[in-house]
Amino acid sequence: MSQSTSKGFSRREFLRGSSAAAAASSVASTAIGQDTAVAPQVVTGETSITLKINGESKTAKVEPRTTLLDMLRYQFDLTAAKPVSADGSSGASTVLVDGRPVMASSTLALSVAGKEITTCESLVDDEVPRAFVEHDAQQCGFCTPGFVVAVRAFLNQHPDATEEQILAGLNGNICRCGTYANVLQAVVSLVKGEQNG
């Protein structure tokens, strides 16, 4: 038995080697200019955060595991963003964080402390939902808020987009009813300035 142990790889040797590898990678990352001085902050239990939601300053109490989606829905009754997929692959939970689209279902609430959140509720008077209605770009409506927010963010960055750019820019949003052609028509009408408000 002692003979087989001496030829094998012990747990102690593995741990010693992995510690050396971690130390080496730390030295290497410092050498190539990566900032290793910032240590991750460990948060436990409930924490209060302040952020701006749809133009208003809000305070929320969140746990480290609380998602932005859960915070919006259960603390502020903002239910437009939908819990369709936990990994955000459906696009139904799209909101804007400092003007950029993110999936609220896969974003931790703690990570948006101090930031500005825009949800579909704030776009009620925007031209995007009007274009969706005009072009019948929704059926069950479950994906619609995510699409509306994604379209708003996309048009903010690409006001003169082509059809190909629109399709590529919105490929993270899924409509199970299949209204893609109507969504495309709605966005094209906005690019062409066909919405008369």
C-alpha atoms as a PDB file:
ATOM      1  CA  MET A   1       0.000   0.000   0.000  1.00  0.00           C
ATOM      2  CA  SER A   2       2.804   2.387   0.812  1.00  0.00           C
ATOM      3  CA  GLN A   3       4.334   1.605  -2.566  1.00  0.00           C
ATOM      4  CA  SER A   4       1.177   2.632  -4.513  1.00  0.00           C
ATOM      5  CA  THR A   5       0.850   5.796  -2.421  1.00  0.00           C
ATOM      6  CA  SER A   6       4.376   6.888  -3.180  1.00  0.00           C
ATOM      7  CA  LYS A   7       3.778   6.556  -6.919  1.00  0.00           C
ATOM      8  CA  GLY A   8       0.405   8.343  -6.806  1.00  0.00           C
ATOM      9  CA  PHE A   9      -0.466  12.015  -6.509  1.00  0.00           C
ATOM     10  CA  SER A  10      -1.486  13.048  -3.018  1.00  0.00           C
ATOM     11  CA  ARG A  11      -4.044  15.680  -2.104  1.00  0.00           C
ATOM     12  CA  ARG A  12      -1.383  17.564  -0.131  1.00  0.00           C
ATOM     13  CA  GLU A  13       0.854  17.774  -3.202  1.00  0.00           C
ATOM     14  CA  PHE A  14      -2.058  18.965  -5.303  1.00  0.00           C
ATOM     15  CA  LEU A  15      -2.907  21.742  -2.835  1.00  0.00           C
ATOM     16  CA  ARG A  16       0.734  22.775  -2.553  1.00  0.00           C
ATOM     17  CA  GLY A  17       0.999  22.938  -6.348  1.00  0.00           C
ATOM     18  CA  SER A  18      -2.255  24.854  -6.813  1.00  0.00           C
ATOM     19  CA  SER A  19      -1.127  27.404  -4.201  1.00  0.00           C
ATOM     20  CA  ALA A  20       2.080  27.926  -6.127  1.00  0.00           C
ATOM     21  CA  ALA A  21       0.122  28.298  -9.367  1.00  0.00           C
ATOM     22  CA  ALA A  22      -2.172  30.884  -7.787  1.00  0.00           C
ATOM     23  CA  ALA A  23       0.802  32.839  -6.491  1.00  0.00           C
ATOM     24  CA  ALA A  24       2.472  32.698  -9.899  1.00  0.00           C
ATOM     25  CA  SER A  25      -0.645  33.927 -11.685  1.00  0.00           C
ATOM     26  CA  SER A  26      -0.944  36.765  -9.175  1.00  0.00           C
ATOM     27  CA  VAL A  27       2.640  37.820  -9.852  1.00  0.00           C
ATOM     28  CA  ALA A  28       2.063  37.487 -13.608  1.00  0.00           C
ATOM     29  CA  SER A  29      -1.085  39.595 -13.575  1.00  0.00           C
ATOM     30  CA  THR A  30       0.726  42.304 -11.587  1.00  0.00           C
ATOM     31  CA  ALA A  31       3.583  42.180 -14.051  1.00  0.00           C
ATOM     32  CA  ILE A  32       1.300  42.729 -17.052  1.00  0.00           C
ATOM     33  CA  GLY A  33      -0.412  45.688 -15.425  1.00  0.00           C
ATOM     34  CA  GLN A  34      -3.640  44.200 -14.069  1.00  0.00           C
ATOM     35  CA  ASP A  35      -4.903  45.815 -10.897  1.00  0.00           C
ATOM     36  CA  THR A  36      -4.766  43.232  -8.133  1.00  0.00           C
ATOM     37  CA  ALA A  37      -5.045  45.758  -5.292  1.00  0.00           C
ATOM     38  CA  VAL A  38      -8.859  45.764  -5.383  1.00  0.00           C
ATOM     39  CA  ALA A  39     -10.073  42.957  -3.184  1.00  0.00           C
ATOM     40  CA  PRO A  40     -13.616  41.653  -3.654  1.00  0.00           C
ATOM     41  CA  GLN A  41     -16.011  42.829  -0.996  1.00  0.00           C
ATOM     42  CA  VAL A  42     -17.838  40.070   0.813  1.00  0.00           C
ATOM     43  CA  VAL A  43     -21.423  40.978   1.636  1.00  0.00           C
ATOM     44  CA  THR A  44     -23.666  38.881   3.842  1.00  0.00           C
ATOM     45  CA  GLY A  45     -27.244  39.367   4.893  1.00  0.00           C
ATOM     46  CA  GLU A  46     -29.520  42.203   3.897  1.00  0.00           C
ATOM     47  CA  THR A  47     -27.917  45.409   2.622  1.00  0.00           C
ATOM     48  CA  SER A  48     -29.442  48.787   1.745  1.00  0.00           C
ATOM     49  CA  ILE A  49     -28.601  50.246  -1.655  1.00  0.00           C
ATOM     50  CA  THR A  50     -29.593  53.533  -3.255  1.00  0.00           C
ATOM     51  CA  LEU A  51     -30.178  53.870  -6.971  1.00  0.00           C
ATOM     52  CA  LYS A  52     -32.258  55.861  -9.423  1.00  0.00           C
ATOM     53  CA  ILE A  53     -35.197  54.051 -11.004  1.00  0.00           C
ATOM     54  CA  ASN A  54     -37.080  55.786 -13.825  1.00  0.00           C
ATOM     55  CA  GLY A  55     -35.758  59.153 -12.704  1.00  0.00           C
ATOM     56  CA  GLU A  56     -36.541  58.774  -8.994  1.00  0.00           C
ATOM     57  CA  SER A  57     -34.073  58.068  -6.211  1.00  0.00           C
ATOM     58  CA  LYS A  58     -34.953  54.815  -4.441  1.00  0.00           C
ATOM     59  CA  THR A  59     -33.595  52.765  -1.570  1.00  0.00           C
ATOM     60  CA  ALA A  60     -33.852  48.990  -1.610  1.00  0.00           C
ATOM     61  CA  LYS A  61     -32.951  46.255   0.835  1.00  0.00           C
ATOM     62  CA  VAL A  62     -31.316  43.364  -0.972  1.00  0.00           C
ATOM     63  CA  GLU A  63     -29.423  40.194  -0.196  1.00  0.00           C
ATOM     64  CA  PRO A  64     -26.315  39.216  -2.162  1.00  0.00           C
ATOM     65  CA  ARG A  65     -28.408  36.734  -4.202  1.00  0.00           C
ATOM     66  CA  THR A  66     -31.212  39.223  -5.040  1.00  0.00           C
ATOM     67  CA  THR A  67     -31.457  39.893  -8.762  1.00  0.00           C
ATOM     68  CA  LEU A  68     -32.291  43.256 -10.228  1.00  0.00           C
ATOM     69  CA  LEU A  69     -35.453  41.674 -11.642  1.00  0.00           C
ATOM     70  CA  ASP A  70     -36.625  40.485  -8.220  1.00  0.00           C
ATOM     71  CA  MET A  71     -35.898  43.862  -6.670  1.00  0.00           C
ATOM     72  CA  LEU A  72     -37.836  45.730  -9.377  1.00  0.00           C
ATOM     73  CA  ARG A  73     -40.821  43.389  -9.272  1.00  0.00           C
ATOM     74  CA  TYR A  74     -41.183  42.705  -5.554  1.00  0.00           C
ATOM     75  CA  GLN A  75     -39.965  45.921  -3.935  1.00  0.00           C
ATOM     76  CA  PHE A  76     -41.126  48.532  -6.440  1.00  0.00           C
ATOM     77  CA  ASP A  77     -43.997  46.747  -8.234  1.00  0.00           C
ATOM     78  CA  LEU A  78     -42.354  47.334 -11.623  1.00  0.00           C
ATOM     79  CA  THR A  79     -43.484  44.173 -13.372  1.00  0.00           C
ATOM     80  CA  ALA A  80     -42.925  44.941 -17.062  1.00  0.00           C
ATOM     81  CA  ALA A  81     -39.607  43.068 -17.130  1.00  0.00           C
ATOM     82  CA  LYS A  82     -40.534  39.398 -17.104  1.00  0.00           C
ATOM     83  CA  PRO A  83     -38.963  36.317 -15.458  1.00  0.00           C
ATOM     84  CA  VAL A  84     -38.982  34.161 -18.586  1.00  0.00           C
ATOM     85  CA  SER A  85     -35.431  32.787 -18.395  1.00  0.00           C
ATOM     86  CA  ALA A  86     -33.057  32.833 -15.444  1.00  0.00           C
ATOM     87  CA  ASP A  87     -30.057  33.205 -17.741  1.00  0.00           C
ATOM     88  CA  GLY A  88     -31.517  36.179 -19.648  1.00  0.00           C
ATOM     89  CA  SER A  89     -31.514  34.326 -22.979  1.00  0.00           C
ATOM     90  CA  SER A  90     -35.105  35.346 -23.777  1.00  0.00           C
ATOM     91  CA  GLY A  91     -34.528  39.096 -23.486  1.00  0.00           C
ATOM     92  CA  ALA A  92     -37.845  39.475 -21.633  1.00  0.00           C
ATOM     93  CA  SER A  93     -36.151  41.020 -18.600  1.00  0.00           C
ATOM     94  CA  THR A  94     -34.346  43.755 -20.544  1.00  0.00           C
ATOM     95  CA  VAL A  95     -33.898  47.037 -18.665  1.00  0.00           C
ATOM     96  CA  LEU A  96     -31.413  49.868 -19.091  1.00  0.00           C
ATOM     97  CA  VAL A  97     -28.615  50.403 -16.574  1.00  0.00           C
ATOM     98  CA  ASP A  98     -26.976  53.778 -17.168  1.00  0.00           C
ATOM     99  CA  GLY A  99     -28.434  53.681 -20.673  1.00  0.00           C
ATOM    100  CA  ARG A 100     -27.134  50.214 -21.568  1.00  0.00           C
ATOM    101  CA  PRO A 101     -29.438  47.190 -21.989  1.00  0.00           C
ATOM    102  CA  VAL A 102     -28.934  44.412 -19.439  1.00  0.00           C
ATOM    103  CA  MET A 103     -30.893  41.330 -18.443  1.00  0.00           C
ATOM    104  CA  ALA A 104     -32.387  42.071 -15.029  1.00  0.00           C
ATOM    105  CA  SER A 105     -32.881  38.339 -14.424  1.00  0.00           C
ATOM    106  CA  SER A 106     -29.139  37.708 -14.469  1.00  0.00           C
ATOM    107  CA  THR A 107     -27.904  40.974 -12.917  1.00  0.00           C
ATOM    108  CA  LEU A 108     -27.382  41.154  -9.181  1.00  0.00           C
ATOM    109  CA  ALA A 109     -29.093  44.099  -7.502  1.00  0.00           C
ATOM    110  CA  LEU A 110     -25.928  44.906  -5.544  1.00  0.00           C
ATOM    111  CA  SER A 111     -24.078  45.513  -8.813  1.00  0.00           C
ATOM    112  CA  VAL A 112     -26.367  48.409  -9.779  1.00  0.00           C
ATOM    113  CA  ALA A 113     -26.089  50.394  -6.543  1.00  0.00           C
ATOM    114  CA  GLY A 114     -25.786  54.081  -7.384  1.00  0.00           C
ATOM    115  CA  LYS A 115     -26.738  53.550 -11.033  1.00  0.00           C
ATOM    116  CA  GLU A 116     -29.686  54.708 -13.101  1.00  0.00           C
ATOM    117  CA  ILE A 117     -32.233  52.060 -14.053  1.00  0.00           C
ATOM    118  CA  THR A 118     -34.793  52.579 -16.819  1.00  0.00           C
ATOM    119  CA  THR A 119     -37.668  50.127 -17.147  1.00  0.00           C
ATOM    120  CA  CYS A 120     -40.417  49.831 -19.745  1.00  0.00           C
ATOM    121  CA  GLU A 121     -42.826  51.592 -17.381  1.00  0.00           C
ATOM    122  CA  SER A 122     -40.981  54.869 -17.995  1.00  0.00           C
ATOM    123  CA  LEU A 123     -41.399  54.540 -21.774  1.00  0.00           C
ATOM    124  CA  VAL A 124     -45.193  54.768 -21.760  1.00  0.00           C
ATOM    125  CA  ASP A 125     -45.129  58.043 -23.745  1.00  0.00           C
ATOM    126  CA  ASP A 126     -42.193  57.029 -25.940  1.00  0.00           C
ATOM    127  CA  GLU A 127     -42.536  56.547 -29.699  1.00  0.00           C
ATOM    128  CA  VAL A 128     -41.406  52.909 -29.500  1.00  0.00           C
ATOM    129  CA  PRO A 129     -44.512  51.446 -27.828  1.00  0.00           C
ATOM    130  CA  ARG A 130     -46.681  53.547 -30.160  1.00  0.00           C
ATOM    131  CA  ALA A 131     -44.891  52.015 -33.157  1.00  0.00           C
ATOM    132  CA  PHE A 132     -45.431  48.532 -31.711  1.00  0.00           C
ATOM    133  CA  VAL A 133     -49.166  49.198 -31.458  1.00  0.00           C
ATOM    134  CA  GLU A 134     -49.318  50.743 -34.926  1.00  0.00           C
ATOM    135  CA  HIS A 135     -47.611  47.730 -36.517  1.00  0.00           C
ATOM    136  CA  ASP A 136     -49.275  45.074 -34.344  1.00  0.00           C
ATOM    137  CA  ALA A 137     -45.864  43.966 -33.091  1.00  0.00           C
ATOM    138  CA  GLN A 138     -47.185  41.982 -30.148  1.00  0.00           C
ATOM    139  CA  GLN A 139     -49.507  39.071 -29.532  1.00  0.00           C
ATOM    140  CA  CYS A 140     -49.458  37.646 -26.021  1.00  0.00           C
ATOM    141  CA  GLY A 141     -47.405  40.665 -24.965  1.00  0.00           C
ATOM    142  CA  PHE A 142     -45.129  38.773 -22.594  1.00  0.00           C
ATOM    143  CA  CYS A 143     -41.949  39.592 -24.543  1.00  0.00           C
ATOM    144  CA  THR A 144     -43.084  43.079 -25.565  1.00  0.00           C
ATOM    145  CA  PRO A 145     -41.638  45.125 -22.649  1.00  0.00           C
ATOM    146  CA  GLY A 146     -38.210  43.572 -23.189  1.00  0.00           C
ATOM    147  CA  PHE A 147     -38.414  44.295 -26.902  1.00  0.00           C
ATOM    148  CA  VAL A 148     -39.547  47.890 -26.306  1.00  0.00           C
ATOM    149  CA  VAL A 149     -36.611  48.590 -23.977  1.00  0.00           C
ATOM    150  CA  ALA A 150     -34.160  46.849 -26.315  1.00  0.00           C
ATOM    151  CA  VAL A 151     -35.465  48.835 -29.303  1.00  0.00           C
ATOM    152  CA  ARG A 152     -35.202  52.103 -27.370  1.00  0.00           C
ATOM    153  CA  ALA A 153     -31.587  51.348 -26.421  1.00  0.00           C
ATOM    154  CA  PHE A 154     -30.763  50.233 -29.963  1.00  0.00           C
ATOM    155  CA  LEU A 155     -32.241  53.346 -31.586  1.00  0.00           C
ATOM    156  CA  ASN A 156     -30.430  55.587 -29.107  1.00  0.00           C
ATOM    157  CA  GLN A 157     -27.179  54.168 -30.483  1.00  0.00           C
ATOM    158  CA  HIS A 158     -28.234  53.578 -34.115  1.00  0.00           C
ATOM    159  CA  PRO A 159     -30.923  56.078 -35.177  1.00  0.00           C
ATOM    160  CA  ASP A 160     -30.260  55.415 -38.893  1.00  0.00           C
ATOM    161  CA  ALA A 161     -29.960  51.633 -38.728  1.00  0.00           C
ATOM    162  CA  THR A 162     -30.564  49.382 -41.706  1.00  0.00           C
ATOM    163  CA  GLU A 163     -32.863  46.346 -41.553  1.00  0.00           C
ATOM    164  CA  GLU A 164     -29.843  44.062 -41.244  1.00  0.00           C
ATOM    165  CA  GLN A 165     -28.491  46.114 -38.330  1.00  0.00           C
ATOM    166  CA  ILE A 166     -31.881  46.065 -36.632  1.00  0.00           C
ATOM    167  CA  LEU A 167     -32.123  42.278 -36.916  1.00  0.00           C
ATOM    168  CA  ALA A 168     -28.596  41.855 -35.565  1.00  0.00           C
ATOM    169  CA  GLY A 169     -29.143  44.401 -32.798  1.00  0.00           C
ATOM    170  CA  LEU A 170     -32.307  42.731 -31.510  1.00  0.00           C
ATOM    171  CA  ASN A 171     -31.205  39.106 -31.822  1.00  0.00           C
ATOM    172  CA  GLY A 172     -31.110  38.744 -28.022  1.00  0.00           C
ATOM    173  CA  ASN A 173     -34.896  39.044 -27.728  1.00  0.00           C
ATOM    174  CA  ILE A 174     -37.172  36.085 -28.370  1.00  0.00           C
ATOM    175  CA  CYS A 175     -40.869  36.211 -29.272  1.00  0.00           C
ATOM    176  CA  ARG A 176     -42.526  32.822 -28.978  1.00  0.00           C
ATOM    177  CA  CYS A 177     -45.564  34.106 -30.867  1.00  0.00           C
ATOM    178  CA  GLY A 178     -43.317  34.942 -33.837  1.00  0.00           C
ATOM    179  CA  THR A 179     -44.033  38.650 -34.336  1.00  0.00           C
ATOM    180  CA  TYR A 180     -40.519  39.377 -35.615  1.00  0.00           C
ATOM    181  CA  ALA A 181     -41.698  40.707 -38.984  1.00  0.00           C
ATOM    182  CA  ASN A 182     -43.999  43.189 -37.263  1.00  0.00           C
ATOM    183  CA  VAL A 183     -41.320  44.223 -34.767  1.00  0.00           C
ATOM    184  CA  LEU A 184     -38.985  44.864 -37.706  1.00  0.00           C
ATOM    185  CA  GLN A 185     -41.658  46.972 -39.433  1.00  0.00           C
ATOM    186  CA  ALA A 186     -42.179  48.977 -36.242  1.00  0.00           C
ATOM    187  CA  VAL A 187     -38.465  49.714 -35.862  1.00  0.00           C
ATOM    188  CA  VAL A 188     -38.014  50.522 -39.551  1.00  0.00           C
ATOM    189  CA  SER A 189     -40.901  52.999 -39.301  1.00  0.00           C
ATOM    190  CA  LEU A 190     -39.117  54.698 -36.407  1.00  0.00           C
ATOM    191  CA  VAL A 191     -35.842  54.891 -38.336  1.00  0.00           C
ATOM    192  CA  LYS A 192     -37.692  56.407 -41.295  1.00  0.00           C
ATOM    193  CA  GLY A 193     -39.469  58.879 -39.026  1.00  0.00           C
ATOM    194  CA  GLU A 194     -42.925  57.613 -39.956  1.00  0.00           C
ATOM    195  CA  GLN A 195     -44.328  57.937 -36.411  1.00  0.00           C
ATOM    196  CA  ASN A 196     -46.273  61.177 -36.228  1.00  0.00           C
ATOM    197  CA  GLY A 197     -46.664  61.046 -32.430  1.00  0.00           C
END
